[in-house]
Protein backbone atom coordinates (compact mmCIF):
# COMPACT_ATOMS: atom_id res chain seq x y z
CA MET A 1 80.89 118.45 104.84
CA ARG A 2 84.25 120.17 104.97
CA ARG A 3 86.07 116.89 105.69
CA SER A 4 84.45 115.16 102.73
CA LEU A 5 85.47 118.00 100.41
CA ILE A 6 89.06 117.80 101.66
CA LEU A 7 89.02 114.02 101.21
CA CYS A 8 87.67 114.31 97.65
CA ALA A 9 90.28 116.93 96.78
CA GLY A 10 93.03 114.71 98.18
CA ILE A 11 91.87 111.69 96.21
CA ALA A 12 91.62 113.75 93.02
CA GLY A 13 95.14 115.02 93.64
CA LEU A 14 96.48 111.50 94.05
CA PHE A 15 94.87 110.32 90.83
CA SER A 16 96.05 113.32 88.82
CA ALA A 17 99.58 113.01 90.23
CA GLY A 18 99.66 109.34 89.24
CA PHE A 19 98.55 110.08 85.70
CA LEU A 20 100.92 113.01 85.28
CA THR A 21 104.00 111.17 86.50
CA SER A 22 103.46 107.97 84.51
CA PRO A 23 104.64 107.92 80.89
CA ALA A 24 101.93 107.80 78.24
CA ASN A 25 103.28 104.65 76.60
CA ALA A 26 103.72 102.63 79.78
CA ALA A 27 102.68 99.00 79.51
CA SER A 28 99.57 98.06 81.42
CA ASP A 29 99.86 95.60 84.25
CA PHE A 30 96.35 94.20 84.62
CA ARG A 31 95.76 91.67 87.38
CA VAL A 32 92.72 90.04 88.94
CA ILE A 33 92.44 90.80 92.65
CA LYS A 34 90.05 89.38 95.24
CA TRP A 35 88.76 91.51 98.11
CA SER A 36 89.11 89.68 101.41
CA LEU A 37 85.95 91.02 103.03
CA THR A 38 83.48 90.29 100.23
CA GLY A 39 85.19 87.66 98.06
CA VAL A 40 84.47 89.76 94.97
CA CYS A 41 87.07 89.70 92.19
CA GLN A 42 88.03 92.81 90.27
CA ILE A 43 90.37 93.66 87.41
CA TYR A 44 92.93 96.24 88.51
CA ASP A 45 95.64 98.01 86.50
CA PHE A 46 98.81 98.17 88.60
CA GLY A 47 100.62 99.82 85.65
CA TRP A 48 99.68 103.36 86.70
CA GLY A 49 101.71 103.09 89.89
CA GLY A 50 99.01 102.96 92.56
CA LYS A 51 97.61 100.18 94.66
CA PRO A 52 93.99 99.48 95.55
CA ILE A 53 92.50 101.02 98.67
CA PRO A 54 91.69 99.45 101.11
CA TRP A 55 94.59 97.04 101.30
CA ASP A 56 92.61 93.91 102.16
CA TYR A 57 92.95 92.17 98.79
CA ARG A 58 94.86 89.24 97.32
CA VAL A 59 96.33 89.14 93.80
CA LEU A 60 95.12 86.01 91.97
CA THR A 61 96.85 86.29 88.57
CA ARG A 62 100.21 87.09 87.10
CA PRO A 63 100.56 90.41 85.22
CA LEU A 64 98.40 90.37 82.09
CA PRO A 65 99.07 92.64 79.07
CA THR A 66 95.50 93.62 78.16
CA PHE A 67 92.13 94.17 79.79
CA GLY A 68 90.69 91.43 77.58
CA ALA A 69 93.20 88.89 78.90
CA ALA A 70 92.35 89.93 82.46
CA LEU A 71 88.64 89.59 81.72
CA ARG A 72 89.16 86.04 80.42
CA ALA A 73 91.22 85.18 83.51
CA LYS A 74 88.52 86.60 85.80
CA ASP A 75 85.87 84.58 83.96
CA SER A 76 87.94 81.42 84.36
CA LEU A 77 88.37 82.07 88.10
CA ALA A 78 84.61 82.66 88.47
CA ARG A 79 83.79 79.38 86.71
CA ARG A 80 86.12 77.55 89.11
CA GLY A 81 84.34 79.13 92.09
CA MET A 82 87.20 81.29 93.28
CA CYS A 83 85.22 84.56 92.96
CA THR A 84 81.71 85.49 94.00
CA LEU A 85 81.20 87.98 91.15
């Protein structure tokens, strides 16, 4: 129980530090990533300065300016059979 509380506090600290150190008007850097273990694709914003955990993923798209553009790219990849979800 104690370890899980420490882990949660550490994760919360990492997220808050990332949001506090990044400027409010920073451009988003949305990309579609694919998890190696499951083959599931996900939209991830690399603009906030962090990287996905765990590190077993592959980036499938170039940087995209908006979430909508990333959603269209993910849909296109799914129709071509490159993603399971």
